[in-house]
């Protein structure tokens, strides 16, 4: 009722304070191998000249992020050495001390300030751009967005328990979004180029950025299709290219002599189609199908009993399928590009007469492009689902009721799919409570925003009955893994992981189809784009 009086600065500050206190409580929590990975990167960048950073292999935790992130680790290492000099010594064995633990945990919390500030900027810009008649609704949506973004349970699980710096990286992405929403195309492109040189996985979004910038900054956005090429703004195109290429030159220039070595670290294609734990994408379904055919073939005596698949070995390695054709990296690249083509055609051929509609279209395309790469890419990690979930949080604020529904589904499935990252008893309780609290708030808040109050206990706000039953199935899957499977058999130790990956794959694939349908059924889409 007081939504039109919400102070976004105060809201963001309060959220930041509360979530920081909670993150401090998680400092002693379980740390994964990624904790040692980043500790080793501190040591590499502090102890060796920069020309040796991408050659160092004393530890298996070799540096495999772009140069800007390497310099980021170098800057952190200058402070880390003051806390514990042994932290920045290159060694084959892992190293961990109380000082190391507190320094690395706190470094993540401090750099999260970039993400919190970027979220606030996005909320402020969008709220100020709304009509006066919609101010109350916009203010409430902006506050809900800040809460959902800053308290995102996926970021807490991945960054502050498992350990990574995703909050900082998504802060750079949201700064790019904020500049784009205010019409600052060059600043937006610059921030995105900087981001690509911190973590190259964000290339997932590059096709949408490239087409959207060409369409809306380098040509007349009101012109459609081929005719837009006739309005090409050469000056804008050159300026955009100079800014982006300059940032890449600054990043890779010092490593240009050894660029092949850097690239081999950034793109290790020998790691296999899927990670040890399958990310919930199309290839997880493909792997599950191969296993199902193996079992059926053996039961029907049409497959030799010595036929075994490497998909369930629990190792990071090349995957050999037994029944279905083995997938190669080039094939996944082609499939991913083909799956993106209708979306990219839609961006290019659809006129964008208003900035607000154009930005909504951009966000929806970013989520879809990221999800497409996640669904069909080579050796996708489960953590990459955050690249769809977090932009979808912003889309929830700027978009329609259908966009809000998409967010609810993708955050539920995506965040639950991160559970296998954390397997220790205390942290298991923490991750379950985090997802429950976050999801309850999501469904309640968006149900109130869109006045969707289901009369049936089986239906969740914003979802239909089938979608609601699917969400309840996630809870049943978790109960099976925790309470039933440990007492049944020890012959299938990876069965809960297989069930989780496969079940979540169905949900993420459904979200991808739903989002694609929604994107291509927006008014004025050319018929041949729909047919494609």
Protein backbone atom coordinates (compact mmCIF):
# COMPACT_ATOMS: atom_id res chain seq x y z
CA UNK A 1 0.00 0.00 0.00
CA UNK A 2 3.00 2.29 0.50
CA UNK A 3 4.67 1.14 -2.72
CA UNK A 4 4.89 4.62 -4.22
CA UNK A 5 7.02 5.72 -1.24
CA UNK A 6 9.61 2.95 -1.49
CA UNK A 7 13.13 4.32 -1.29
CA UNK A 8 15.22 2.13 -3.57
CA UNK A 9 18.51 3.37 -2.09
CA UNK A 10 17.36 2.33 1.39
CA UNK A 11 15.99 -0.97 0.06
CA UNK A 12 19.27 -1.86 -1.65
CA UNK A 13 21.32 -0.84 1.40
CA UNK A 14 19.20 -2.88 3.79
CA UNK A 15 19.31 -5.93 1.53
CA UNK A 16 23.08 -5.59 1.18
CA UNK A 17 23.54 -5.33 4.94
CA UNK A 18 21.35 -8.33 5.76
CA UNK A 19 22.81 -10.59 3.08
CA UNK A 20 26.38 -9.66 4.10
CA UNK A 21 25.70 -10.70 7.70
CA UNK A 22 24.37 -14.02 6.42
CA UNK A 23 27.41 -14.48 4.17
CA UNK A 24 29.72 -13.89 7.14
CA UNK A 25 27.98 -16.76 8.94
CA UNK A 26 28.87 -18.98 5.98
CA UNK A 27 32.62 -18.29 6.16
CA UNK A 28 33.40 -21.60 7.97
CA UNK A 29 31.19 -23.57 5.54
CA UNK A 30 32.40 -26.32 3.20
CA UNK A 31 34.78 -25.22 0.45
CA UNK A 32 35.04 -27.01 -2.87
CA UNK A 33 38.02 -27.54 -5.16
CA UNK A 34 37.24 -24.12 -6.66
CA UNK A 35 38.47 -22.60 -3.40
CA UNK A 36 41.89 -24.14 -4.01
CA UNK A 37 41.67 -23.19 -7.70
CA UNK A 38 41.43 -19.50 -6.87
CA UNK A 39 44.03 -19.81 -4.09
CA UNK A 40 46.41 -21.31 -6.64
CA UNK A 41 45.65 -18.51 -9.09
CA UNK A 42 46.61 -16.01 -6.39
CA UNK A 43 49.92 -17.85 -6.06
CA UNK A 44 50.56 -18.05 -9.81
CA UNK A 45 49.91 -14.37 -10.47
CA UNK A 46 51.87 -13.24 -7.39
CA UNK A 47 54.92 -15.49 -7.71
CA UNK A 48 55.51 -15.64 -11.47
CA UNK A 49 55.99 -13.08 -14.25
CA UNK A 50 52.83 -12.60 -16.26
CA UNK A 51 54.27 -14.31 -19.34
CA UNK A 52 54.40 -17.59 -17.39
CA UNK A 53 50.87 -17.46 -15.95
CA UNK A 54 49.25 -19.57 -18.67
CA UNK A 55 52.16 -22.07 -18.77
CA UNK A 56 52.35 -22.84 -15.05
CA UNK A 57 51.20 -26.41 -14.30
CA UNK A 58 52.75 -27.36 -10.97
CA UNK A 59 49.22 -27.85 -9.67
CA UNK A 60 46.42 -29.30 -11.77
CA UNK A 61 44.44 -26.13 -10.91
CA UNK A 62 45.87 -24.23 -13.89
CA UNK A 63 44.81 -20.72 -14.86
CA UNK A 64 42.01 -20.96 -17.44
CA UNK A 65 40.22 -17.58 -17.26
CA UNK A 66 40.88 -14.60 -19.59
CA UNK A 67 43.65 -12.07 -18.81
CA UNK A 68 41.52 -9.47 -17.00
CA UNK A 69 40.59 -12.07 -14.39
CA UNK A 70 44.25 -13.04 -14.09
CA UNK A 71 45.11 -9.39 -13.35
CA UNK A 72 42.19 -9.31 -10.90
CA UNK A 73 43.78 -12.24 -9.05
CA UNK A 74 47.13 -10.44 -9.21
CA UNK A 75 45.62 -7.39 -7.49
CA UNK A 76 44.04 -9.57 -4.81
CA UNK A 77 47.35 -11.36 -4.27
CA UNK A 78 49.06 -8.09 -3.33
CA UNK A 79 46.72 -7.93 -0.32
CA UNK A 80 46.60 -11.69 0.29
CA UNK A 81 50.35 -11.85 0.98
CA UNK A 82 49.81 -9.54 3.98
CA UNK A 83 47.36 -12.04 5.51
CA UNK A 84 49.36 -15.23 4.92
CA UNK A 85 52.53 -15.32 2.77
CA UNK A 86 52.16 -19.10 2.29
CA UNK A 87 48.84 -18.48 0.53
CA UNK A 88 50.65 -17.07 -2.51
CA UNK A 89 53.30 -19.78 -2.85
CA UNK A 90 52.95 -22.06 -5.86
CA UNK A 91 52.70 -25.67 -4.75
CA UNK A 92 51.37 -28.99 -6.00
CA UNK A 93 49.52 -29.64 -2.75
CA UNK A 94 46.50 -27.60 -1.74
CA UNK A 95 46.87 -25.06 1.05
CA UNK A 96 44.29 -23.69 3.46
CA UNK A 97 44.57 -21.67 6.65
CA UNK A 98 42.18 -19.56 8.70
CA UNK A 99 43.70 -16.42 7.18
CA UNK A 100 43.30 -17.84 3.68
CA UNK A 101 39.70 -18.79 4.37
CA UNK A 102 38.73 -15.37 5.71
CA UNK A 103 40.61 -13.46 3.02
CA UNK A 104 39.09 -15.35 0.10
CA UNK A 105 35.58 -15.38 1.55
CA UNK A 106 35.70 -11.66 2.31
CA UNK A 107 37.13 -10.85 -1.13
CA UNK A 108 33.99 -12.36 -2.67
CA UNK A 109 31.74 -10.35 -0.33
CA UNK A 110 33.52 -7.08 -1.07
CA UNK A 111 33.40 -7.55 -4.84
CA UNK A 112 29.67 -8.35 -4.55
CA UNK A 113 29.27 -4.61 -4.04
CA UNK A 114 29.60 -4.25 -7.82
CA UNK A 115 26.59 -6.53 -8.30
CA UNK A 116 24.49 -4.76 -5.67
CA UNK A 117 25.25 -1.34 -7.15
CA UNK A 118 24.50 -2.55 -10.68
CA UNK A 119 21.15 -4.02 -9.57
CA UNK A 120 20.27 -0.73 -7.90
CA UNK A 121 21.12 1.19 -11.08
CA UNK A 122 18.96 -1.12 -13.19
CA UNK A 123 16.03 -0.76 -10.79
CA UNK A 124 16.40 3.03 -10.56
CA UNK A 125 16.67 3.60 -14.31
CA UNK A 126 13.68 1.37 -15.08
CA UNK A 127 11.53 2.93 -12.33
CA UNK A 128 12.32 6.46 -13.51
CA UNK A 129 11.44 5.56 -17.11
CA UNK A 130 7.89 4.37 -16.29
CA UNK A 131 4.78 6.46 -16.72
CA UNK A 132 3.47 8.45 -13.77
CA UNK A 133 0.28 6.36 -13.71
CA UNK A 134 2.40 3.22 -13.28
CA UNK A 135 4.76 4.65 -10.66
CA UNK A 136 3.35 2.70 -7.71
CA UNK A 137 3.50 -0.62 -9.56
CA UNK A 138 6.98 0.14 -10.92
CA UNK A 139 8.28 1.04 -7.48
CA UNK A 140 7.00 -2.21 -6.01
CA UNK A 141 8.40 -4.28 -8.89
CA UNK A 142 11.76 -2.55 -8.52
CA UNK A 143 11.89 -3.34 -4.80
CA UNK A 144 10.95 -6.99 -5.44
CA UNK A 145 13.66 -7.20 -8.11
CA UNK A 146 16.29 -5.85 -5.70
CA UNK A 147 15.32 -8.40 -3.05
CA UNK A 148 15.29 -11.31 -5.50
CA UNK A 149 18.60 -10.32 -7.12
CA UNK A 150 20.60 -9.46 -3.99
CA UNK A 151 19.33 -12.49 -2.06
CA UNK A 152 19.63 -14.84 -5.05
CA UNK A 153 20.11 -18.25 -3.47
CA UNK A 154 22.05 -19.58 -6.46
CA UNK A 155 24.74 -16.93 -6.05
CA UNK A 156 24.94 -17.63 -2.32
CA UNK A 157 25.33 -21.39 -2.91
CA UNK A 158 27.87 -21.06 -5.72
CA UNK A 159 29.91 -18.08 -4.46
CA UNK A 160 29.73 -18.21 -0.68
CA UNK A 161 29.66 -21.96 -0.04
CA UNK A 162 31.11 -23.64 -3.15
CA UNK A 163 33.29 -20.56 -3.89
CA UNK A 164 33.52 -18.40 -6.99
CA UNK A 165 33.30 -14.71 -7.96
CA UNK A 166 30.09 -14.80 -10.00
CA UNK A 167 28.48 -11.89 -8.12
CA UNK A 168 31.25 -9.55 -9.25
CA UNK A 169 30.99 -10.81 -12.84
CA UNK A 170 27.22 -10.46 -12.97
CA UNK A 171 27.71 -6.97 -11.59
CA UNK A 172 29.67 -6.09 -14.73
CA UNK A 173 26.90 -7.63 -16.85
CA UNK A 174 24.18 -5.66 -15.08
CA UNK A 175 26.20 -2.45 -15.48
CA UNK A 176 26.09 -3.16 -19.20
CA UNK A 177 22.32 -3.71 -18.95
CA UNK A 178 21.86 -0.47 -16.99
CA UNK A 179 23.73 1.57 -19.60
CA UNK A 180 21.82 -0.05 -22.44
CA UNK A 181 18.45 0.62 -20.79
CA UNK A 182 19.34 4.31 -20.54
CA UNK A 183 20.43 4.45 -24.19
CA UNK A 184 24.22 4.47 -23.57
CA UNK A 185 25.09 1.88 -26.20
CA UNK A 186 28.83 2.52 -26.24
CA UNK A 187 29.17 2.22 -22.46
CA UNK A 188 27.05 -0.91 -22.55
CA UNK A 189 29.29 -2.47 -25.21
CA UNK A 190 32.40 -1.44 -23.28
CA UNK A 191 31.22 -3.07 -20.03
CA UNK A 192 30.28 -6.25 -21.88
CA UNK A 193 33.69 -6.37 -23.60
CA UNK A 194 35.35 -5.97 -20.20
CA UNK A 195 33.20 -8.81 -18.87
CA UNK A 196 34.21 -11.12 -21.74
CA UNK A 197 37.82 -10.54 -20.78
CA UNK A 198 37.07 -11.54 -17.20
CA UNK A 199 35.14 -14.73 -17.99
CA UNK A 200 34.81 -16.00 -21.53
CA UNK A 201 31.70 -18.10 -20.84
CA UNK A 202 29.69 -14.89 -21.28
CA UNK A 203 30.35 -15.30 -25.01
CA UNK A 204 27.07 -17.23 -24.75
CA UNK A 205 25.39 -13.81 -24.90
CA UNK A 206 27.62 -12.30 -27.58
CA UNK A 207 25.40 -13.14 -30.59
CA UNK A 208 22.49 -11.19 -29.13
CA UNK A 209 24.74 -8.28 -28.14
CA UNK A 210 26.27 -8.15 -31.61
CA UNK A 211 23.00 -8.29 -33.57
CA UNK A 212 21.21 -5.96 -31.17
CA UNK A 213 23.98 -3.33 -31.30
CA UNK A 214 24.08 -3.46 -35.09
CA UNK A 215 20.30 -3.26 -35.31
CA UNK A 216 19.68 -0.52 -32.78
CA UNK A 217 22.86 1.55 -32.73
CA UNK A 218 24.40 1.12 -36.17
CA UNK A 219 21.18 1.20 -38.26
CA UNK A 220 17.76 2.87 -38.13
CA UNK A 221 15.81 0.79 -35.59
CA UNK A 222 12.46 1.75 -37.13
CA UNK A 223 13.39 0.11 -40.44
CA UNK A 224 12.74 -3.58 -40.88
CA UNK A 225 14.81 -6.38 -42.36
CA UNK A 226 17.16 -5.90 -45.31
CA UNK A 227 16.21 -2.24 -45.70
CA UNK A 228 17.93 -1.53 -42.36
CA UNK A 229 21.29 -2.21 -44.06
CA UNK A 230 20.68 0.83 -46.26
CA UNK A 231 20.64 2.99 -43.13
CA UNK A 232 23.98 1.70 -41.82
CA UNK A 233 25.69 4.37 -39.68
CA UNK A 234 29.35 3.92 -40.52
CA UNK A 235 30.58 6.30 -37.82
CA UNK A 236 28.68 4.46 -35.10
CA UNK A 237 29.91 1.10 -36.37
CA UNK A 238 33.55 2.23 -36.42
CA UNK A 239 33.28 3.79 -32.95
CA UNK A 240 31.71 0.62 -31.55
CA UNK A 241 34.39 -1.58 -33.15
CA UNK A 242 37.24 0.61 -31.90
CA UNK A 243 35.98 0.50 -28.30
CA UNK A 244 35.47 -3.27 -28.24
CA UNK A 245 38.71 -4.11 -30.07
CA UNK A 246 40.70 -1.72 -27.86
CA UNK A 247 39.51 -3.52 -24.74
CA UNK A 248 40.46 -6.90 -26.23
CA UNK A 249 43.84 -5.51 -27.30
CA UNK A 250 44.46 -4.22 -23.79
CA UNK A 251 43.57 -7.62 -22.38
CA UNK A 252 45.37 -9.97 -24.76
CA UNK A 253 48.14 -7.66 -25.96
CA UNK A 254 50.69 -8.67 -23.31
CA UNK A 255 50.04 -12.36 -24.10
CA UNK A 256 49.97 -12.04 -27.88
CA UNK A 257 53.19 -14.03 -28.43
CA UNK A 258 51.76 -16.97 -26.52
CA UNK A 259 48.15 -16.53 -27.66
CA UNK A 260 47.82 -20.20 -28.73
CA UNK A 261 48.70 -21.32 -25.21
CA UNK A 262 46.15 -18.92 -23.71
CA UNK A 263 43.42 -20.13 -26.07
CA UNK A 264 44.22 -23.78 -25.30
CA UNK A 265 43.64 -23.02 -21.62
CA UNK A 266 40.41 -21.12 -22.23
CA UNK A 267 38.86 -23.75 -24.51
CA UNK A 268 39.85 -27.27 -23.35
CA UNK A 269 37.76 -29.35 -25.78
CA UNK A 270 39.15 -32.64 -24.44
CA UNK A 271 37.03 -32.46 -21.30
CA UNK A 272 34.07 -34.26 -22.83
CA UNK A 273 30.47 -33.60 -23.83
CA UNK A 274 29.21 -33.33 -20.25
CA UNK A 275 30.77 -32.54 -16.89
CA UNK A 276 31.18 -35.24 -14.22
CA UNK A 277 27.76 -34.18 -12.94
CA UNK A 278 25.61 -33.57 -16.00
CA UNK A 279 24.28 -30.05 -16.30
CA UNK A 280 20.48 -30.24 -16.78
CA UNK A 281 20.46 -29.72 -20.54
CA UNK A 282 19.65 -31.60 -23.74
CA UNK A 283 22.81 -33.71 -23.55
CA UNK A 284 21.85 -34.95 -20.10
CA UNK A 285 18.65 -36.27 -21.68
CA UNK A 286 20.76 -37.72 -24.50
CA UNK A 287 23.05 -39.49 -22.02
CA UNK A 288 20.06 -40.80 -20.08
CA UNK A 289 18.55 -42.05 -23.34
CA UNK A 290 21.76 -43.87 -24.19
CA UNK A 291 21.76 -45.59 -20.79
CA UNK A 292 18.07 -46.51 -21.14
CA UNK A 293 18.74 -48.07 -24.56
CA UNK A 294 21.69 -49.99 -23.10
CA UNK A 295 19.52 -51.45 -20.35
CA UNK A 296 16.72 -52.30 -22.77
CA UNK A 297 19.19 -53.82 -25.23
CA UNK A 298 20.72 -56.08 -22.60
CA UNK A 299 17.32 -57.17 -21.31
CA UNK A 300 16.24 -58.07 -24.85
CA UNK A 301 19.58 -59.74 -25.60
CA UNK A 302 20.22 -57.48 -28.59
CA UNK A 303 23.22 -55.74 -26.98
CA UNK A 304 26.34 -57.45 -25.74
CA UNK A 305 26.66 -57.41 -21.97
CA UNK A 306 30.17 -55.93 -22.11
CA UNK A 307 28.87 -52.74 -23.71
CA UNK A 308 29.44 -49.94 -21.20
CA UNK A 309 29.18 -46.18 -21.36
CA UNK A 310 31.62 -43.67 -19.87
CA UNK A 311 28.85 -41.16 -19.16
CA UNK A 312 28.38 -42.30 -15.55
CA UNK A 313 32.03 -42.69 -14.61
CA UNK A 314 32.00 -39.57 -12.44
CA UNK A 315 35.13 -38.36 -14.25
CA UNK A 316 35.81 -35.38 -16.49
CA UNK A 317 36.73 -37.06 -19.76
CA UNK A 318 35.62 -37.68 -23.34
CA UNK A 319 32.23 -39.40 -23.39
CA UNK A 320 31.70 -42.53 -25.47
CA UNK A 321 28.07 -43.51 -26.03
CA UNK A 322 27.18 -47.16 -26.57
CA UNK A 323 23.89 -47.11 -28.51
CA UNK A 324 23.39 -43.51 -29.64
CA UNK A 325 26.02 -41.78 -31.83
CA UNK A 326 28.91 -40.22 -29.90
CA UNK A 327 28.71 -36.42 -30.00
CA UNK A 328 31.73 -34.34 -31.07
CA UNK A 329 32.45 -30.67 -30.17
CA UNK A 330 31.82 -29.41 -33.70
CA UNK A 331 28.37 -30.97 -33.75
CA UNK A 332 27.32 -29.20 -30.53
CA UNK A 333 28.58 -25.92 -31.99
CA UNK A 334 26.48 -26.35 -35.14
CA UNK A 335 23.38 -27.38 -33.16
CA UNK A 336 23.77 -24.37 -30.84
CA UNK A 337 24.12 -21.91 -33.73
CA UNK A 338 21.14 -23.40 -35.58
CA UNK A 339 19.03 -23.19 -32.44
CA UNK A 340 19.90 -19.50 -32.15
CA UNK A 341 19.16 -18.58 -35.78
CA UNK A 342 15.38 -17.92 -35.38
CA UNK A 343 16.10 -15.69 -32.38
CA UNK A 344 18.79 -13.70 -34.18
CA UNK A 345 16.56 -13.30 -37.26
CA UNK A 346 13.80 -12.08 -34.98
CA UNK A 347 16.07 -9.42 -33.45
CA UNK A 348 17.25 -8.21 -36.84
CA UNK A 349 13.94 -8.17 -38.71
CA UNK A 350 11.71 -6.81 -35.96
CA UNK A 351 11.49 -2.98 -35.89
CA UNK A 352 11.94 -1.45 -32.43
CA UNK A 353 10.09 1.88 -32.40
CA UNK A 354 10.34 2.46 -28.63
CA UNK A 355 13.35 2.18 -26.34
CA UNK A 356 11.46 0.43 -23.54
CA UNK A 357 10.12 -2.27 -25.85
CA UNK A 358 13.53 -2.64 -27.41
CA UNK A 359 15.16 -3.23 -24.01
CA UNK A 360 12.52 -5.80 -23.02
CA UNK A 361 13.14 -7.59 -26.30
CA UNK A 362 16.87 -7.46 -25.64
CA UNK A 363 16.56 -8.97 -22.14
CA UNK A 364 14.26 -11.73 -23.33
CA UNK A 365 16.73 -12.50 -26.13
CA UNK A 366 19.68 -12.54 -23.70
CA UNK A 367 17.93 -15.07 -21.47
CA UNK A 368 16.97 -17.21 -24.45
CA UNK A 369 20.42 -17.05 -26.05
CA UNK A 370 22.10 -18.02 -22.76
CA UNK A 371 19.64 -20.84 -22.23
CA UNK A 372 20.19 -22.07 -25.80
CA UNK A 373 23.95 -22.26 -25.24
CA UNK A 374 23.32 -23.99 -21.92
CA UNK A 375 21.00 -26.53 -23.53
CA UNK A 376 23.22 -27.51 -26.46
CA UNK A 377 26.78 -26.42 -25.63
CA UNK A 378 29.87 -28.59 -25.16
CA UNK A 379 30.92 -29.50 -21.59
CA UNK A 380 28.48 -27.13 -19.92
CA UNK A 381 28.80 -26.72 -16.16
CA UNK A 382 25.68 -26.72 -14.00
CA UNK A 383 26.65 -23.28 -12.64
CA UNK A 384 26.09 -21.77 -16.12
CA UNK A 385 22.33 -21.85 -15.51
CA UNK A 386 22.82 -18.64 -13.48
CA UNK A 387 23.50 -16.88 -16.79
CA UNK A 388 19.83 -17.40 -17.61
CA UNK A 389 18.37 -17.07 -14.11
CA UNK A 390 19.86 -13.70 -13.17
CA UNK A 391 19.03 -11.82 -16.40
CA UNK A 392 15.56 -13.37 -16.14
CA UNK A 393 15.25 -11.74 -12.70
CA UNK A 394 15.66 -8.36 -14.39
CA UNK A 395 13.27 -9.41 -17.16
CA UNK A 396 10.72 -10.23 -14.46
CA UNK A 397 10.78 -6.56 -13.44
CA UNK A 398 10.76 -5.08 -16.95
CA UNK A 399 8.62 -7.61 -18.79
CA UNK A 400 5.17 -9.15 -18.79
CA UNK A 401 3.28 -11.60 -16.60
CA UNK A 402 4.49 -14.42 -18.86
CA UNK A 403 8.08 -13.31 -18.27
CA UNK A 404 7.45 -13.45 -14.53
CA UNK A 405 6.14 -17.00 -14.91
CA UNK A 406 9.24 -17.97 -16.88
CA UNK A 407 11.40 -16.57 -14.10
CA UNK A 408 9.57 -18.60 -11.45
CA UNK A 409 10.09 -21.86 -13.32
CA UNK A 410 13.67 -21.29 -14.38
CA UNK A 411 14.80 -20.12 -10.94
CA UNK A 412 13.19 -23.13 -9.25
CA UNK A 413 14.66 -25.68 -11.65
CA UNK A 414 17.99 -23.87 -12.07
CA UNK A 415 18.65 -23.34 -8.39
CA UNK A 416 17.66 -26.88 -7.48
CA UNK A 417 19.98 -28.25 -10.17
CA UNK A 418 22.89 -26.66 -8.23
CA UNK A 419 22.24 -28.89 -5.20
CA UNK A 420 24.75 -31.63 -6.18
CA UNK A 421 27.54 -29.05 -5.84
CA UNK A 422 26.99 -29.14 -2.07
CA UNK A 423 26.84 -32.57 -0.42
CA UNK A 424 28.05 -32.17 3.19
CA UNK A 425 25.35 -32.65 5.88
CA UNK A 426 25.20 -29.16 7.44
CA UNK A 427 25.44 -27.39 4.09
CA UNK A 428 22.73 -29.69 2.71
CA UNK A 429 20.34 -28.32 5.32
CA UNK A 430 21.45 -24.76 4.49
CA UNK A 431 20.92 -25.12 0.73
CA UNK A 432 17.45 -26.66 1.21
CA UNK A 433 16.38 -23.85 3.56
CA UNK A 434 17.82 -21.23 1.19
CA UNK A 435 15.88 -22.53 -1.80
CA UNK A 436 12.67 -23.00 0.18
CA UNK A 437 12.71 -19.48 1.65
CA UNK A 438 13.71 -17.90 -1.64
CA UNK A 439 11.10 -19.81 -3.66
CA UNK A 440 8.29 -19.15 -1.17
CA UNK A 441 9.04 -15.43 -1.41
CA UNK A 442 9.25 -15.60 -5.23
CA UNK A 443 5.86 -17.26 -5.64
CA UNK A 444 4.16 -15.12 -2.99
CA UNK A 445 5.59 -11.81 -4.22
CA UNK A 446 4.87 -12.39 -7.91
CA UNK A 447 1.45 -13.85 -7.11
CA UNK A 448 0.61 -10.62 -5.30
CA UNK A 449 2.10 -8.42 -8.02
CA UNK A 450 -0.07 -10.05 -10.67
CA UNK A 451 -3.05 -10.82 -8.40
CA UNK A 452 -2.74 -14.54 -9.07
CA UNK A 453 -4.05 -16.28 -5.96
CA UNK A 454 -4.83 -19.93 -6.77
CA UNK A 455 -7.96 -21.42 -5.20
CA UNK A 456 -6.53 -24.94 -5.47
CA UNK A 457 -3.80 -26.06 -3.07
CA UNK A 458 -2.22 -28.06 -5.86
CA UNK A 459 -1.62 -25.04 -8.08
CA UNK A 460 1.22 -22.65 -7.32
CA UNK A 461 0.84 -18.91 -8.07
CA UNK A 462 1.48 -18.08 -11.76
CA UNK A 463 1.76 -21.77 -12.75
CA UNK A 464 -0.81 -24.21 -14.13
CA UNK A 465 -1.52 -27.57 -12.51
CA UNK A 466 0.98 -29.57 -14.60
CA UNK A 467 3.78 -27.07 -13.96
CA UNK A 468 2.93 -27.06 -10.26
CA UNK A 469 3.07 -30.86 -10.08
CA UNK A 470 6.48 -30.76 -11.79
CA UNK A 471 7.77 -28.37 -9.09
CA UNK A 472 6.45 -30.67 -6.36
CA UNK A 473 8.33 -33.48 -8.10
CA UNK A 474 11.61 -31.69 -7.34
CA UNK A 475 10.84 -32.07 -3.63
CA UNK A 476 10.07 -35.77 -4.07
CA UNK A 477 13.34 -36.24 -5.95
CA UNK A 478 15.27 -34.63 -3.11
CA UNK A 479 13.49 -36.72 -0.47
CA UNK A 480 14.37 -39.87 -2.40
CA UNK A 481 18.05 -38.91 -2.55
CA UNK A 482 18.23 -38.02 1.15
CA UNK A 483 15.95 -40.54 2.84
CA UNK A 484 15.35 -43.51 0.54
CA UNK A 485 18.33 -44.19 -1.73
CA UNK A 486 20.96 -44.54 1.07
CA UNK A 487 19.03 -47.52 2.45
CA UNK A 488 18.29 -49.29 -0.85
CA UNK A 489 21.53 -50.18 -2.57
CA UNK A 490 25.17 -49.23 -2.93
CA UNK A 491 25.42 -50.61 -6.46
CA UNK A 492 24.12 -47.40 -8.06
CA UNK A 493 25.84 -44.56 -6.15
CA UNK A 494 25.26 -42.04 -8.97
CA UNK A 495 21.53 -42.76 -9.32
CA UNK A 496 20.35 -39.68 -7.31
CA UNK A 497 22.62 -37.46 -9.45
CA UNK A 498 21.30 -39.05 -12.64
CA UNK A 499 17.69 -38.56 -11.50
CA UNK A 500 18.33 -34.95 -10.47
CA UNK A 501 20.09 -34.09 -13.73
CA UNK A 502 17.50 -35.80 -15.93
CA UNK A 503 14.47 -34.44 -14.07
CA UNK A 504 15.87 -30.89 -14.07
CA UNK A 505 16.71 -31.27 -17.78
CA UNK A 506 13.02 -31.76 -18.52
CA UNK A 507 12.22 -28.51 -16.68
CA UNK A 508 14.98 -26.47 -18.28
CA UNK A 509 14.08 -27.77 -21.75
CA UNK A 510 10.44 -26.84 -21.11
CA UNK A 511 11.52 -23.33 -20.06
CA UNK A 512 13.56 -23.05 -23.26
CA UNK A 513 10.62 -24.06 -25.45
CA UNK A 514 8.22 -21.78 -23.57
CA UNK A 515 10.57 -18.81 -23.80
CA UNK A 516 11.20 -19.41 -27.50
CA UNK A 517 7.46 -19.59 -28.18
CA UNK A 518 6.89 -16.42 -26.21
CA UNK A 519 9.68 -14.58 -28.03
CA UNK A 520 8.59 -15.56 -31.54
CA UNK A 521 4.89 -14.89 -30.94
CA UNK A 522 5.38 -11.26 -30.00
CA UNK A 523 3.40 -9.10 -32.42
CA UNK A 524 4.81 -8.23 -35.86
CA UNK A 525 7.20 -11.16 -36.14
CA UNK A 526 7.79 -12.07 -39.82
CA UNK A 527 6.11 -15.33 -40.84
CA UNK A 528 9.29 -16.88 -42.28
CA UNK A 529 11.02 -16.40 -38.90
CA UNK A 530 8.20 -18.33 -37.21
CA UNK A 531 8.35 -21.05 -39.87
CA UNK A 532 12.11 -21.39 -39.50
